[in-house]
Amino acid sequence: MDEKYLKEKKARLGFPLKTIAASVLLRKLRWATLGLQFDWSKRNYDASLPHAKIPDALSRLAKELAMPAMENAEFCAEAAIINYFASDDMLGGHLDDMEADLSKPIVSISLGSKAVFLLGGESRQDPPIAMFLRSGDAVLMTGPARKCFHGIPRIFTDLENCDVPVFQSKFLDSHDASFVDYIKGSRININIRQVN
């Protein structure tokens, strides 16, 4: 941050402001949303909350990935939840069932560290199937899978399981070093939904 800005802000507020590095804040981030906002306390999408549309490039990618499940219709990317996972994070078994039309798929894209994805059944007691997700993998949750419990019990952040060197050499330049450092020990999952 600009030092002059910080000094002026401290003077206006009358107490010292602590500068926190972006890398520290990024490690505390667990989720973010794009498009329609999800109200976690009410478990629904709240169209009255301010929101911007999903970026065009992500919307186009989601439409393309959703095509096999759309049967002559077009997928409309209205909301995306971005989950950030550190090495010891997990996501317990849950359902994504708050969209109006469960016949529409959820498009899920994995970046960064590998993870184990468990897809169970309609009951928590149904035994899950384990899948290994790598950076760049996409999962299309459609049909009966939309009503199944699923979760992420483990992230692999060790160097042996790191997919980043290929990703780094193809898409990033030297200015993106902080992103590369972050993604080497983390996983990002972007799941895009048609809400209505």
C-alpha atoms as a PDB file:
ATOM      1  CA  MET A   1       0.000   0.000   0.000  1.00  0.00           C
ATOM      2  CA  ASP A   2       1.015   3.601  -0.508  1.00  0.00           C
ATOM      3  CA  GLU A   3       2.787   4.904   2.650  1.00  0.00           C
ATOM      4  CA  LYS A   4       1.276   8.381   2.283  1.00  0.00           C
ATOM      5  CA  TYR A   5      -2.235   6.906   2.118  1.00  0.00           C
ATOM      6  CA  LEU A   6      -1.615   4.843   5.271  1.00  0.00           C
ATOM      7  CA  LYS A   7      -0.321   7.867   7.207  1.00  0.00           C
ATOM      8  CA  GLU A   8      -3.378   9.936   6.216  1.00  0.00           C
ATOM      9  CA  LYS A   9      -5.737   7.099   7.124  1.00  0.00           C
ATOM     10  CA  LYS A  10      -4.083   6.618  10.524  1.00  0.00           C
ATOM     11  CA  ALA A  11      -4.354  10.344  11.245  1.00  0.00           C
ATOM     12  CA  ARG A  12      -8.073  10.453  10.297  1.00  0.00           C
ATOM     13  CA  LEU A  13      -8.993   7.434  12.383  1.00  0.00           C
ATOM     14  CA  GLY A  14      -6.939   8.430  15.403  1.00  0.00           C
ATOM     15  CA  PHE A  15      -5.414   4.995  15.953  1.00  0.00           C
ATOM     16  CA  PRO A  16      -2.653   3.016  14.273  1.00  0.00           C
ATOM     17  CA  LEU A  17      -3.442   0.824  11.301  1.00  0.00           C
ATOM     18  CA  LYS A  18      -1.584  -2.441  11.021  1.00  0.00           C
ATOM     19  CA  THR A  19      -0.281  -3.313   7.582  1.00  0.00           C
ATOM     20  CA  ILE A  20      -0.917  -6.953   6.705  1.00  0.00           C
ATOM     21  CA  ALA A  21       0.779  -8.570   3.733  1.00  0.00           C
ATOM     22  CA  ALA A  22      -1.523  -9.784   0.969  1.00  0.00           C
ATOM     23  CA  SER A  23       0.046 -13.257   1.235  1.00  0.00           C
ATOM     24  CA  VAL A  24      -1.083 -13.483   4.892  1.00  0.00           C
ATOM     25  CA  LEU A  25      -4.630 -12.431   4.019  1.00  0.00           C
ATOM     26  CA  LEU A  26      -4.746 -14.858   1.096  1.00  0.00           C
ATOM     27  CA  ARG A  27      -3.920 -17.763   3.430  1.00  0.00           C
ATOM     28  CA  LYS A  28      -6.969 -16.834   5.549  1.00  0.00           C
ATOM     29  CA  LEU A  29      -9.338 -16.710   2.558  1.00  0.00           C
ATOM     30  CA  ARG A  30     -11.705 -19.704   2.400  1.00  0.00           C
ATOM     31  CA  TRP A  31     -14.313 -18.759  -0.217  1.00  0.00           C
ATOM     32  CA  ALA A  32     -15.513 -15.981  -2.478  1.00  0.00           C
ATOM     33  CA  THR A  33     -18.458 -15.609  -4.819  1.00  0.00           C
ATOM     34  CA  LEU A  34     -18.961 -14.291  -8.322  1.00  0.00           C
ATOM     35  CA  GLY A  35     -22.334 -13.414  -9.806  1.00  0.00           C
ATOM     36  CA  LEU A  36     -25.396 -13.963  -7.624  1.00  0.00           C
ATOM     37  CA  GLN A  37     -24.491 -14.012  -3.941  1.00  0.00           C
ATOM     38  CA  PHE A  38     -25.285 -16.981  -1.737  1.00  0.00           C
ATOM     39  CA  ASP A  39     -26.632 -16.226   1.738  1.00  0.00           C
ATOM     40  CA  TRP A  40     -25.034 -18.950   3.857  1.00  0.00           C
ATOM     41  CA  SER A  41     -27.250 -18.301   6.898  1.00  0.00           C
ATOM     42  CA  LYS A  42     -30.503 -18.672   4.905  1.00  0.00           C
ATOM     43  CA  ARG A  43     -29.054 -21.231   2.428  1.00  0.00           C
ATOM     44  CA  ASN A  44     -30.340 -19.427  -0.643  1.00  0.00           C
ATOM     45  CA  TYR A  45     -29.292 -17.052  -3.375  1.00  0.00           C
ATOM     46  CA  ASP A  46     -30.161 -13.453  -2.664  1.00  0.00           C
ATOM     47  CA  ALA A  47     -30.720 -11.505  -5.894  1.00  0.00           C
ATOM     48  CA  SER A  48     -31.263  -8.330  -3.857  1.00  0.00           C
ATOM     49  CA  LEU A  49     -27.592  -8.290  -2.816  1.00  0.00           C
ATOM     50  CA  PRO A  50     -25.300  -6.274  -5.089  1.00  0.00           C
ATOM     51  CA  HIS A  51     -23.499  -8.446  -7.590  1.00  0.00           C
ATOM     52  CA  ALA A  52     -21.725  -8.277 -10.913  1.00  0.00           C
ATOM     53  CA  LYS A  53     -22.133 -10.811 -13.670  1.00  0.00           C
ATOM     54  CA  ILE A  54     -19.644 -13.641 -13.932  1.00  0.00           C
ATOM     55  CA  PRO A  55     -16.627 -12.683 -16.100  1.00  0.00           C
ATOM     56  CA  ASP A  56     -17.225 -13.484 -19.779  1.00  0.00           C
ATOM     57  CA  ALA A  57     -14.248 -15.853 -20.131  1.00  0.00           C
ATOM     58  CA  LEU A  58     -15.392 -17.958 -17.159  1.00  0.00           C
ATOM     59  CA  SER A  59     -18.990 -17.919 -18.385  1.00  0.00           C
ATOM     60  CA  ARG A  60     -17.932 -19.125 -21.857  1.00  0.00           C
ATOM     61  CA  LEU A  61     -15.773 -21.891 -20.347  1.00  0.00           C
ATOM     62  CA  ALA A  62     -18.639 -23.048 -18.099  1.00  0.00           C
ATOM     63  CA  LYS A  63     -21.059 -23.101 -21.069  1.00  0.00           C
ATOM     64  CA  GLU A  64     -18.639 -25.218 -23.086  1.00  0.00           C
ATOM     65  CA  LEU A  65     -17.998 -27.658 -20.237  1.00  0.00           C
ATOM     66  CA  ALA A  66     -21.735 -27.936 -19.449  1.00  0.00           C
ATOM     67  CA  MET A  67     -22.763 -28.707 -23.055  1.00  0.00           C
ATOM     68  CA  PRO A  68     -22.842 -32.539 -22.679  1.00  0.00           C
ATOM     69  CA  ALA A  69     -25.494 -32.186 -19.944  1.00  0.00           C
ATOM     70  CA  MET A  70     -27.692 -29.513 -21.507  1.00  0.00           C
ATOM     71  CA  GLU A  71     -29.775 -31.425 -24.102  1.00  0.00           C
ATOM     72  CA  ASN A  72     -30.335 -28.636 -26.655  1.00  0.00           C
ATOM     73  CA  ALA A  73     -30.429 -25.888 -24.015  1.00  0.00           C
ATOM     74  CA  GLU A  74     -27.762 -23.363 -23.086  1.00  0.00           C
ATOM     75  CA  PHE A  75     -26.107 -23.195 -19.676  1.00  0.00           C
ATOM     76  CA  CYS A  76     -26.376 -19.757 -18.080  1.00  0.00           C
ATOM     77  CA  ALA A  77     -23.574 -19.102 -15.565  1.00  0.00           C
ATOM     78  CA  GLU A  78     -25.294 -17.061 -12.846  1.00  0.00           C
ATOM     79  CA  ALA A  79     -23.248 -17.818  -9.722  1.00  0.00           C
ATOM     80  CA  ALA A  80     -19.833 -19.195  -8.885  1.00  0.00           C
ATOM     81  CA  ILE A  81     -18.470 -20.177  -5.522  1.00  0.00           C
ATOM     82  CA  ILE A  82     -14.694 -20.217  -5.308  1.00  0.00           C
ATOM     83  CA  ASN A  83     -13.278 -22.387  -2.537  1.00  0.00           C
ATOM     84  CA  TYR A  84      -9.689 -21.877  -1.359  1.00  0.00           C
ATOM     85  CA  PHE A  85      -7.988 -24.845   0.329  1.00  0.00           C
ATOM     86  CA  ALA A  86      -4.694 -24.892   2.245  1.00  0.00           C
ATOM     87  CA  SER A  87      -2.804 -28.125   2.956  1.00  0.00           C
ATOM     88  CA  ASP A  88      -4.803 -29.103   6.041  1.00  0.00           C
ATOM     89  CA  ASP A  89      -8.234 -27.979   4.800  1.00  0.00           C
ATOM     90  CA  MET A  90     -11.098 -30.225   3.821  1.00  0.00           C
ATOM     91  CA  LEU A  91     -14.735 -29.862   2.781  1.00  0.00           C
ATOM     92  CA  GLY A  92     -17.116 -32.223   4.537  1.00  0.00           C
ATOM     93  CA  GLY A  93     -19.868 -34.135   2.796  1.00  0.00           C
ATOM     94  CA  HIS A  94     -22.635 -31.809   1.621  1.00  0.00           C
ATOM     95  CA  LEU A  95     -25.326 -31.296  -1.033  1.00  0.00           C
ATOM     96  CA  ASP A  96     -25.499 -28.458  -3.560  1.00  0.00           C
ATOM     97  CA  ASP A  97     -29.268 -28.333  -3.811  1.00  0.00           C
ATOM     98  CA  MET A  98     -30.263 -24.679  -3.577  1.00  0.00           C
ATOM     99  CA  GLU A  99     -30.589 -23.991  -7.297  1.00  0.00           C
ATOM    100  CA  ALA A 100     -34.144 -23.792  -8.694  1.00  0.00           C
ATOM    101  CA  ASP A 101     -33.602 -26.459 -11.375  1.00  0.00           C
ATOM    102  CA  LEU A 102     -31.405 -29.386 -10.325  1.00  0.00           C
ATOM    103  CA  SER A 103     -31.464 -30.706 -13.891  1.00  0.00           C
ATOM    104  CA  LYS A 104     -28.893 -27.990 -14.661  1.00  0.00           C
ATOM    105  CA  PRO A 105     -25.307 -29.103 -13.985  1.00  0.00           C
ATOM    106  CA  ILE A 106     -22.678 -27.674 -11.702  1.00  0.00           C
ATOM    107  CA  VAL A 107     -19.385 -27.091 -13.481  1.00  0.00           C
ATOM    108  CA  SER A 108     -16.444 -27.551 -11.128  1.00  0.00           C
ATOM    109  CA  ILE A 109     -12.862 -26.604 -12.083  1.00  0.00           C
ATOM    110  CA  SER A 110      -9.794 -27.515 -10.001  1.00  0.00           C
ATOM    111  CA  LEU A 111      -6.567 -25.491  -9.895  1.00  0.00           C
ATOM    112  CA  GLY A 112      -3.394 -26.021  -7.899  1.00  0.00           C
ATOM    113  CA  SER A 113      -2.735 -28.933  -5.591  1.00  0.00           C
ATOM    114  CA  LYS A 114      -4.274 -32.333  -6.186  1.00  0.00           C
ATOM    115  CA  ALA A 115      -7.199 -33.476  -4.049  1.00  0.00           C
ATOM    116  CA  VAL A 116      -9.323 -36.507  -3.292  1.00  0.00           C
ATOM    117  CA  PHE A 117     -12.964 -35.925  -4.261  1.00  0.00           C
ATOM    118  CA  LEU A 118     -15.601 -38.201  -2.742  1.00  0.00           C
ATOM    119  CA  LEU A 119     -18.955 -38.672  -4.478  1.00  0.00           C
ATOM    120  CA  GLY A 120     -21.471 -40.519  -2.327  1.00  0.00           C
ATOM    121  CA  GLY A 121     -25.158 -41.193  -2.733  1.00  0.00           C
ATOM    122  CA  GLU A 122     -28.402 -39.503  -1.752  1.00  0.00           C
ATOM    123  CA  SER A 123     -27.878 -40.591   1.860  1.00  0.00           C
ATOM    124  CA  ARG A 124     -24.849 -39.892   4.046  1.00  0.00           C
ATOM    125  CA  GLN A 125     -24.727 -43.645   4.696  1.00  0.00           C
ATOM    126  CA  ASP A 126     -24.123 -44.506   1.018  1.00  0.00           C
ATOM    127  CA  PRO A 127     -20.467 -45.457   0.441  1.00  0.00           C
ATOM    128  CA  PRO A 128     -18.631 -42.852  -1.659  1.00  0.00           C
ATOM    129  CA  ILE A 129     -16.530 -43.292  -4.775  1.00  0.00           C
ATOM    130  CA  ALA A 130     -13.098 -41.650  -4.529  1.00  0.00           C
ATOM    131  CA  MET A 131     -11.629 -39.667  -7.433  1.00  0.00           C
ATOM    132  CA  PHE A 132      -8.243 -37.973  -7.698  1.00  0.00           C
ATOM    133  CA  LEU A 133      -8.547 -34.393  -9.034  1.00  0.00           C
ATOM    134  CA  ARG A 134      -5.525 -32.665 -10.565  1.00  0.00           C
ATOM    135  CA  SER A 135      -4.941 -29.048 -11.498  1.00  0.00           C
ATOM    136  CA  GLY A 136      -6.972 -28.296 -14.617  1.00  0.00           C
ATOM    137  CA  ASP A 137      -9.491 -31.108 -14.098  1.00  0.00           C
ATOM    138  CA  ALA A 138     -13.182 -30.318 -14.505  1.00  0.00           C
ATOM    139  CA  VAL A 139     -16.092 -32.215 -12.967  1.00  0.00           C
ATOM    140  CA  LEU A 140     -19.605 -31.931 -14.365  1.00  0.00           C
ATOM    141  CA  MET A 141     -22.145 -32.717 -11.649  1.00  0.00           C
ATOM    142  CA  THR A 142     -25.328 -33.562 -13.477  1.00  0.00           C
ATOM    143  CA  GLY A 143     -28.260 -35.964 -13.442  1.00  0.00           C
ATOM    144  CA  PRO A 144     -28.471 -38.120 -10.294  1.00  0.00           C
ATOM    145  CA  ALA A 145     -25.106 -36.738  -9.078  1.00  0.00           C
ATOM    146  CA  ARG A 146     -26.822 -33.396  -8.368  1.00  0.00           C
ATOM    147  CA  LYS A 147     -28.614 -35.074  -5.447  1.00  0.00           C
ATOM    148  CA  CYS A 148     -25.536 -36.838  -4.063  1.00  0.00           C
ATOM    149  CA  PHE A 149     -23.403 -35.942  -1.069  1.00  0.00           C
ATOM    150  CA  HIS A 150     -19.842 -35.022  -1.989  1.00  0.00           C
ATOM    151  CA  GLY A 151     -16.762 -33.546  -0.379  1.00  0.00           C
ATOM    152  CA  ILE A 152     -12.978 -33.108  -0.308  1.00  0.00           C
ATOM    153  CA  PRO A 153     -11.307 -35.026   2.534  1.00  0.00           C
ATOM    154  CA  ARG A 154      -7.685 -34.421   1.539  1.00  0.00           C
ATOM    155  CA  ILE A 155      -5.437 -31.966  -0.308  1.00  0.00           C
ATOM    156  CA  PHE A 156      -1.942 -32.964  -1.473  1.00  0.00           C
ATOM    157  CA  THR A 157       0.434 -30.001  -1.242  1.00  0.00           C
ATOM    158  CA  ASP A 158       3.767 -31.822  -1.167  1.00  0.00           C
ATOM    159  CA  LEU A 159       6.234 -31.121  -3.994  1.00  0.00           C
ATOM    160  CA  GLU A 160       5.885 -34.660  -5.372  1.00  0.00           C
ATOM    161  CA  ASN A 161       2.192 -34.059  -6.119  1.00  0.00           C
ATOM    162  CA  CYS A 162       2.560 -30.464  -7.324  1.00  0.00           C
ATOM    163  CA  ASP A 163       1.099 -29.777 -10.807  1.00  0.00           C
ATOM    164  CA  VAL A 164       2.247 -26.157 -10.885  1.00  0.00           C
ATOM    165  CA  PRO A 165       5.478 -26.344 -12.964  1.00  0.00           C
ATOM    166  CA  VAL A 166       3.546 -27.222 -16.139  1.00  0.00           C
ATOM    167  CA  PHE A 167       0.922 -24.592 -15.350  1.00  0.00           C
ATOM    168  CA  GLN A 168       3.625 -22.032 -14.544  1.00  0.00           C
ATOM    169  CA  SER A 169       5.685 -22.519 -17.683  1.00  0.00           C
ATOM    170  CA  LYS A 170       2.710 -22.388 -20.056  1.00  0.00           C
ATOM    171  CA  PHE A 171       0.632 -19.539 -18.690  1.00  0.00           C
ATOM    172  CA  LEU A 172       2.515 -17.367 -16.231  1.00  0.00           C
ATOM    173  CA  ASP A 173       5.389 -14.945 -16.480  1.00  0.00           C
ATOM    174  CA  SER A 174       7.942 -13.935 -13.859  1.00  0.00           C
ATOM    175  CA  HIS A 175       5.609 -11.237 -12.472  1.00  0.00           C
ATOM    176  CA  ASP A 176       3.235 -13.921 -11.238  1.00  0.00           C
ATOM    177  CA  ALA A 177       5.680 -15.409  -8.698  1.00  0.00           C
ATOM    178  CA  SER A 178       3.425 -14.712  -5.694  1.00  0.00           C
ATOM    179  CA  PHE A 179       0.536 -16.548  -7.364  1.00  0.00           C
ATOM    180  CA  VAL A 180       2.795 -19.499  -8.158  1.00  0.00           C
ATOM    181  CA  ASP A 181       4.046 -19.595  -4.552  1.00  0.00           C
ATOM    182  CA  TYR A 182       0.457 -19.574  -3.330  1.00  0.00           C
ATOM    183  CA  ILE A 183      -0.898 -22.206  -5.709  1.00  0.00           C
ATOM    184  CA  LYS A 184       1.994 -24.634  -5.066  1.00  0.00           C
ATOM    185  CA  GLY A 185       0.676 -25.196  -1.552  1.00  0.00           C
ATOM    186  CA  SER A 186      -3.039 -24.614  -2.131  1.00  0.00           C
ATOM    187  CA  ARG A 187      -6.046 -25.714  -4.133  1.00  0.00           C
ATOM    188  CA  ILE A 188      -8.669 -23.502  -5.729  1.00  0.00           C
ATOM    189  CA  ASN A 189     -12.015 -24.911  -6.811  1.00  0.00           C
ATOM    190  CA  ILE A 190     -14.366 -22.819  -8.939  1.00  0.00           C
ATOM    191  CA  ASN A 191     -17.875 -24.224  -9.179  1.00  0.00           C
ATOM    192  CA  ILE A 192     -20.265 -22.466 -11.521  1.00  0.00           C
ATOM    193  CA  ARG A 193     -24.032 -22.785 -11.309  1.00  0.00           C
ATOM    194  CA  GLN A 194     -27.203 -21.838 -13.139  1.00  0.00           C
ATOM    195  CA  VAL A 195     -29.389 -20.617 -10.292  1.00  0.00           C
ATOM    196  CA  ASN A 196     -32.776 -20.146 -12.024  1.00  0.00           C
END
